C-alpha atoms as a PDB file:
ATOM      1  CA  MET A   1      85.064 112.501  67.582  1.00  0.00           C
ATOM      2  CA  GLY A   2      82.268 111.173  69.924  1.00  0.00           C
ATOM      3  CA  THR A   3      83.933 112.449  72.952  1.00  0.00           C
ATOM      4  CA  GLU A   4      84.448 115.727  71.404  1.00  0.00           C
ATOM      5  CA  LEU A   5      80.866 116.570  71.798  1.00  0.00           C
ATOM      6  CA  THR A   6      80.122 116.202  75.090  1.00  0.00           C
ATOM      7  CA  GLY A   7      80.393 119.896  76.141  1.00  0.00           C
ATOM      8  CA  LYS A   8      78.811 120.697  73.404  1.00  0.00           C
ATOM      9  CA  ARG A   9      75.407 118.295  73.815  1.00  0.00           C
ATOM     10  CA  LEU A  10      75.545 119.620  77.513  1.00  0.00           C
ATOM     11  CA  GLN A  11      75.475 122.962  76.340  1.00  0.00           C
ATOM     12  CA  LEU A  12      71.982 122.331  74.185  1.00  0.00           C
ATOM     13  CA  LEU A  13      70.560 120.817  76.904  1.00  0.00           C
ATOM     14  CA  ALA A  14      71.526 124.081  79.180  1.00  0.00           C
ATOM     15  CA  GLU A  15      70.125 125.944  76.481  1.00  0.00           C
ATOM     16  CA  THR A  16      66.856 123.996  75.826  1.00  0.00           C
ATOM     17  CA  LEU A  17      66.772 124.227  80.086  1.00  0.00           C
ATOM     18  CA  PRO A  18      68.086 127.557  81.250  1.00  0.00           C
ATOM     19  CA  ARG A  19      67.703 126.983  84.863  1.00  0.00           C
ATOM     20  CA  LEU A  20      69.066 123.036  84.651  1.00  0.00           C
ATOM     21  CA  ALA A  21      71.062 122.522  87.539  1.00  0.00           C
ATOM     22  CA  ARG A  22      70.911 118.902  88.191  1.00  0.00           C
ATOM     23  CA  LEU A  23      72.398 116.077  85.200  1.00  0.00           C
ATOM     24  CA  ALA A  24      71.550 112.517  85.097  1.00  0.00           C
ATOM     25  CA  VAL A  25      74.097 110.527  83.380  1.00  0.00           C
ATOM     26  CA  LEU A  26      73.401 107.362  81.793  1.00  0.00           C
ATOM     27  CA  TRP A  27      76.380 105.081  81.082  1.00  0.00           C
ATOM     28  CA  SER A  28      76.237 101.446  80.165  1.00  0.00           C
ATOM     29  CA  SER A  29      79.126  98.159  80.172  1.00  0.00           C
ATOM     30  CA  PRO A  30      78.568  94.578  80.328  1.00  0.00           C
ATOM     31  CA  THR A  31      81.654  94.383  82.226  1.00  0.00           C
ATOM     32  CA  SER A  32      80.772  97.014  84.749  1.00  0.00           C
ATOM     33  CA  HIS A  33      83.702  99.153  84.334  1.00  0.00           C
ATOM     34  CA  LEU A  34      83.806 102.037  82.352  1.00  0.00           C
ATOM     35  CA  THR A  35      85.251 101.789  78.658  1.00  0.00           C
ATOM     36  CA  GLN A  36      87.686 104.724  77.664  1.00  0.00           C
ATOM     37  CA  TYR A  37      85.354 106.099  75.546  1.00  0.00           C
ATOM     38  CA  GLN A  38      82.743 106.269  78.430  1.00  0.00           C
ATOM     39  CA  ALA A  39      85.367 107.369  81.139  1.00  0.00           C
ATOM     40  CA  LYS A  40      86.205 110.495  78.443  1.00  0.00           C
ATOM     41  CA  VAL A  41      82.376 111.366  78.169  1.00  0.00           C
ATOM     42  CA  ILE A  42      82.044 111.584  82.253  1.00  0.00           C
ATOM     43  CA  ASP A  43      85.409 113.419  82.411  1.00  0.00           C
ATOM     44  CA  ASP A  44      84.288 116.174  79.838  1.00  0.00           C
ATOM     45  CA  LEU A  45      80.894 116.228  81.121  1.00  0.00           C
ATOM     46  CA  ARG A  46      82.352 116.443  84.758  1.00  0.00           C
ATOM     47  CA  VAL A  47      84.622 119.673  83.252  1.00  0.00           C
ATOM     48  CA  THR A  48      81.696 121.380  81.796  1.00  0.00           C
ATOM     49  CA  ALA A  49      79.062 120.987  84.219  1.00  0.00           C
ATOM     50  CA  SER A  50      81.568 121.856  86.468  1.00  0.00           C
ATOM     51  CA  GLY A  51      81.786 125.347  84.864  1.00  0.00           C
ATOM     52  CA  MET A  52      77.775 125.813  84.339  1.00  0.00           C
ATOM     53  CA  SER A  53      76.926 125.053  87.843  1.00  0.00           C
ATOM     54  CA  ILE A  54      75.130 121.542  87.195  1.00  0.00           C
ATOM     55  CA  GLU A  55      75.236 118.690  89.678  1.00  0.00           C
ATOM     56  CA  LEU A  56      75.917 115.248  88.165  1.00  0.00           C
ATOM     57  CA  LYS A  57      73.967 112.173  88.753  1.00  0.00           C
ATOM     58  CA  ILE A  58      76.291 109.059  87.237  1.00  0.00           C
ATOM     59  CA  LEU A  59      74.420 105.678  86.953  1.00  0.00           C
ATOM     60  CA  SER A  60      75.160 102.585  85.282  1.00  0.00           C
ATOM     61  CA  VAL A  61      73.466  99.682  84.305  1.00  0.00           C
ATOM     62  CA  GLN A  62      74.396  96.273  82.842  1.00  0.00           C
ATOM     63  CA  THR A  63      70.943  94.952  81.733  1.00  0.00           C
ATOM     64  CA  LEU A  64      67.948  95.794  80.286  1.00  0.00           C
ATOM     65  CA  ALA A  65      66.253  94.503  83.528  1.00  0.00           C
ATOM     66  CA  GLU A  66      68.301  97.515  85.815  1.00  0.00           C
ATOM     67  CA  LEU A  67      67.110 100.105  83.384  1.00  0.00           C
ATOM     68  CA  SER A  68      64.277 100.578  84.976  1.00  0.00           C
ATOM     69  CA  ASN A  69      65.479 100.890  88.671  1.00  0.00           C
ATOM     70  CA  ALA A  70      68.205 103.385  87.271  1.00  0.00           C
ATOM     71  CA  PHE A  71      64.931 105.614  85.999  1.00  0.00           C
ATOM     72  CA  LYS A  72      63.844 105.093  89.966  1.00  0.00           C
ATOM     73  CA  ASP A  73      67.360 106.498  91.284  1.00  0.00           C
ATOM     74  CA  ILE A  74      66.997 109.637  88.772  1.00  0.00           C
ATOM     75  CA  ALA A  75      63.617 110.475  90.043  1.00  0.00           C
ATOM     76  CA  ARG A  76      64.681 110.079  93.599  1.00  0.00           C
ATOM     77  CA  ALA A  77      68.081 112.229  92.509  1.00  0.00           C
ATOM     78  CA  HIS A  78      65.227 115.227  91.153  1.00  0.00           C
ATOM     79  CA  VAL A  79      66.946 115.509  88.117  1.00  0.00           C
ATOM     80  CA  GLU A  80      65.898 117.660  85.032  1.00  0.00           C
ATOM     81  CA  ALA A  81      67.723 116.320  82.109  1.00  0.00           C
ATOM     82  CA  LEU A  82      69.234 112.623  80.715  1.00  0.00           C
ATOM     83  CA  TYR A  83      72.387 112.433  79.321  1.00  0.00           C
ATOM     84  CA  VAL A  84      72.653 109.188  77.680  1.00  0.00           C
ATOM     85  CA  VAL A  85      76.587 108.093  76.960  1.00  0.00           C
ATOM     86  CA  ASP A  86      76.249 105.417  73.907  1.00  0.00           C
ATOM     87  CA  SER A  87      76.385 101.787  73.874  1.00  0.00           C
ATOM     88  CA  ALA A  88      75.207  98.859  72.539  1.00  0.00           C
ATOM     89  CA  LEU A  89      72.796  97.794  75.235  1.00  0.00           C
ATOM     90  CA  PHE A  90      71.365 101.219  74.843  1.00  0.00           C
ATOM     91  CA  TYR A  91      71.305 101.436  71.150  1.00  0.00           C
ATOM     92  CA  GLY A  92      69.775  98.013  71.196  1.00  0.00           C
ATOM     93  CA  HIS A  93      66.585  98.951  73.758  1.00  0.00           C
ATOM     94  CA  ARG A  94      66.446 102.946  72.077  1.00  0.00           C
ATOM     95  CA  LYS A  95      62.657 103.073  71.890  1.00  0.00           C
ATOM     96  CA  GLU A  96      62.385 101.556  75.652  1.00  0.00           C
ATOM     97  CA  LEU A  97      64.910 104.015  76.961  1.00  0.00           C
ATOM     98  CA  ALA A  98      63.044 107.158  74.851  1.00  0.00           C
ATOM     99  CA  ALA A  99      59.911 105.727  75.945  1.00  0.00           C
ATOM    100  CA  LEU A 100      61.226 105.589  80.148  1.00  0.00           C
ATOM    101  CA  ALA A 101      62.609 109.336  79.595  1.00  0.00           C
ATOM    102  CA  LEU A 102      59.651 110.913  78.627  1.00  0.00           C
ATOM    103  CA  GLN A 103      57.695 108.581  81.031  1.00  0.00           C
ATOM    104  CA  ALA A 104      60.059 110.305  84.125  1.00  0.00           C
ATOM    105  CA  ARG A 105      59.348 113.716  82.189  1.00  0.00           C
ATOM    106  CA  LEU A 106      63.102 114.269  81.154  1.00  0.00           C
ATOM    107  CA  PRO A 107      64.497 115.792  77.989  1.00  0.00           C
ATOM    108  CA  ALA A 108      67.002 113.599  76.625  1.00  0.00           C
ATOM    109  CA  ILE A 109      69.847 114.041  74.410  1.00  0.00           C
ATOM    110  CA  TYR A 110      71.851 111.045  72.512  1.00  0.00           C
ATOM    111  CA  GLY A 111      74.895 110.721  70.766  1.00  0.00           C
ATOM    112  CA  THR A 112      73.112 108.350  67.480  1.00  0.00           C
ATOM    113  CA  LYS A 113      69.927 109.902  65.192  1.00  0.00           C
ATOM    114  CA  THR A 114      68.048 106.897  66.152  1.00  0.00           C
ATOM    115  CA  PHE A 115      67.226 107.702  69.213  1.00  0.00           C
ATOM    116  CA  VAL A 116      65.124 110.962  68.647  1.00  0.00           C
ATOM    117  CA  GLN A 117      63.814 109.033  65.288  1.00  0.00           C
ATOM    118  CA  ASP A 118      62.527 106.683  67.692  1.00  0.00           C
ATOM    119  CA  GLY A 119      60.826 109.250  70.585  1.00  0.00           C
ATOM    120  CA  GLY A 120      64.273 110.645  72.126  1.00  0.00           C
ATOM    121  CA  LEU A 121      64.258 114.475  72.498  1.00  0.00           C
ATOM    122  CA  MET A 122      67.395 115.463  70.572  1.00  0.00           C
ATOM    123  CA  PHE A 123      70.681 114.630  69.333  1.00  0.00           C
ATOM    124  CA  TYR A 124      73.821 115.915  67.991  1.00  0.00           C
ATOM    125  CA  GLY A 125      76.722 114.490  66.956  1.00  0.00           C
ATOM    126  CA  ALA A 126      78.262 112.770  63.099  1.00  0.00           C
ATOM    127  CA  ASP A 127      75.962 112.659  60.034  1.00  0.00           C
ATOM    128  CA  PHE A 128      76.245 109.106  59.479  1.00  0.00           C
ATOM    129  CA  ALA A 129      74.422 109.090  55.973  1.00  0.00           C
ATOM    130  CA  ASP A 130      77.846 111.512  55.074  1.00  0.00           C
ATOM    131  CA  GLN A 131      80.373 109.212  56.902  1.00  0.00           C
ATOM    132  CA  ALA A 132      79.086 106.365  54.853  1.00  0.00           C
ATOM    133  CA  ARG A 133      79.088 108.473  51.559  1.00  0.00           C
ATOM    134  CA  ARG A 134      82.536 108.812  52.123  1.00  0.00           C
ATOM    135  CA  ALA A 135      83.232 105.513  53.232  1.00  0.00           C
ATOM    136  CA  ALA A 136      82.610 104.508  49.159  1.00  0.00           C
ATOM    137  CA  GLY A 137      84.727 106.762  47.946  1.00  0.00           C
ATOM    138  CA  TYR A 138      87.582 104.785  50.294  1.00  0.00           C
ATOM    139  CA  VAL A 139      86.214 101.416  48.925  1.00  0.00           C
ATOM    140  CA  ASP A 140      86.362 103.045  45.082  1.00  0.00           C
ATOM    141  CA  LYS A 141      90.258 104.078  45.469  1.00  0.00           C
ATOM    142  CA  ILE A 142      91.059 100.160  47.298  1.00  0.00           C
ATOM    143  CA  LEU A 143      89.301  98.649  44.486  1.00  0.00           C
ATOM    144  CA  ARG A 144      91.096 100.937  41.504  1.00  0.00           C
ATOM    145  CA  GLY A 145      94.636  99.833  43.478  1.00  0.00           C
ATOM    146  CA  ALA A 146      95.178 102.114  46.433  1.00  0.00           C
ATOM    147  CA  LYS A 147      96.879 100.453  49.148  1.00  0.00           C
ATOM    148  CA  PRO A 148      94.424 101.128  52.436  1.00  0.00           C
ATOM    149  CA  GLY A 149      97.439 102.282  54.474  1.00  0.00           C
ATOM    150  CA  ASP A 150      98.341 104.866  51.718  1.00  0.00           C
ATOM    151  CA  LEU A 151      94.718 106.113  52.524  1.00  0.00           C
ATOM    152  CA  PRO A 152      94.513 109.373  55.292  1.00  0.00           C
ATOM    153  CA  ILE A 153      92.113 108.384  58.105  1.00  0.00           C
ATOM    154  CA  GLU A 154      89.372 111.096  58.115  1.00  0.00           C
ATOM    155  CA  GLN A 155      87.009 112.292  60.859  1.00  0.00           C
ATOM    156  CA  ALA A 156      83.480 113.072  60.442  1.00  0.00           C
ATOM    157  CA  SER A 157      83.160 116.509  58.849  1.00  0.00           C
ATOM    158  CA  LYS A 158      79.526 117.029  58.629  1.00  0.00           C
ATOM    159  CA  LEU A 159      77.392 117.176  62.171  1.00  0.00           C
ATOM    160  CA  GLU A 160      73.786 116.857  62.424  1.00  0.00           C
ATOM    161  CA  PHE A 161      71.696 118.301  65.087  1.00  0.00           C
ATOM    162  CA  VAL A 162      68.013 116.675  65.238  1.00  0.00           C
ATOM    163  CA  ILE A 163      65.250 117.605  67.590  1.00  0.00           C
ATOM    164  CA  ASN A 164      61.688 115.687  68.120  1.00  0.00           C
ATOM    165  CA  LEU A 165      59.036 118.085  68.382  1.00  0.00           C
ATOM    166  CA  ARG A 166      56.561 115.623  69.286  1.00  0.00           C
ATOM    167  CA  THR A 167      58.735 114.659  72.250  1.00  0.00           C
ATOM    168  CA  ALA A 168      59.037 118.206  73.434  1.00  0.00           C
ATOM    169  CA  ARG A 169      55.685 118.504  73.653  1.00  0.00           C
ATOM    170  CA  ALA A 170      54.762 115.352  75.311  1.00  0.00           C
ATOM    171  CA  LEU A 171      57.497 116.925  78.031  1.00  0.00           C
ATOM    172  CA  GLY A 172      55.534 120.406  77.901  1.00  0.00           C
ATOM    173  CA  LEU A 173      59.017 121.723  76.421  1.00  0.00           C
ATOM    174  CA  THR A 174      59.186 124.859  74.198  1.00  0.00           C
ATOM    175  CA  ILE A 175      62.224 124.445  72.416  1.00  0.00           C
ATOM    176  CA  PRO A 176      63.827 127.794  71.785  1.00  0.00           C
ATOM    177  CA  GLN A 177      63.840 129.399  68.540  1.00  0.00           C
ATOM    178  CA  SER A 178      67.319 129.681  68.469  1.00  0.00           C
ATOM    179  CA  LEU A 179      67.875 126.011  68.610  1.00  0.00           C
ATOM    180  CA  LEU A 180      65.310 124.834  66.350  1.00  0.00           C
ATOM    181  CA  VAL A 181      67.002 127.146  63.462  1.00  0.00           C
ATOM    182  CA  ARG A 182      69.908 125.755  63.932  1.00  0.00           C
ATOM    183  CA  ALA A 183      68.471 122.263  63.807  1.00  0.00           C
ATOM    184  CA  ASP A 184      69.515 120.264  60.388  1.00  0.00           C
ATOM    185  CA  GLU A 185      65.826 118.869  60.644  1.00  0.00           C
ATOM    186  CA  VAL A 186      62.861 119.035  63.325  1.00  0.00           C
ATOM    187  CA  ILE A 187      60.871 115.838  63.636  1.00  0.00           C
ATOM    188  CA  GLN A 188      57.243 117.145  64.113  1.00  0.00           C
END
């Protein structure tokens, strides 16, 4: 479901920053090649951004050491916001990434809630706690004798939108009321 949310995440950033014209897109892969997931996210971003007249600056990092240099490139590109494509490197260093985005004064959106809990601005995506509860139901069925291959595959059915107002204040942003009322959680 992750790639299906790409356009919506960009729309949420644009609603936060109505004059958004340049967006940095940060991705990471240890092989320096886009995964199928990352390629789909970037393709979807290109399509959505084009329709919104937003220019993309796409940057790749393979190591934590390259992250600081990427933010120097981002600063030179004069972007106004950041879209972080999910990766293991970023997840493992989410506090550092959120701090770099804040230091660069970049509102950023992430695909995992913990980024926002660790200082990122906003998250929109699957409610992982709900998915875990639903997974428990599958385990129960299997323990009662159901064959895993006979059980239907389900996508996330509950999405979450989380905004970190502390980060917004630190960035000097006023989050529109229309976003605040739609947020499932607002971190004060």
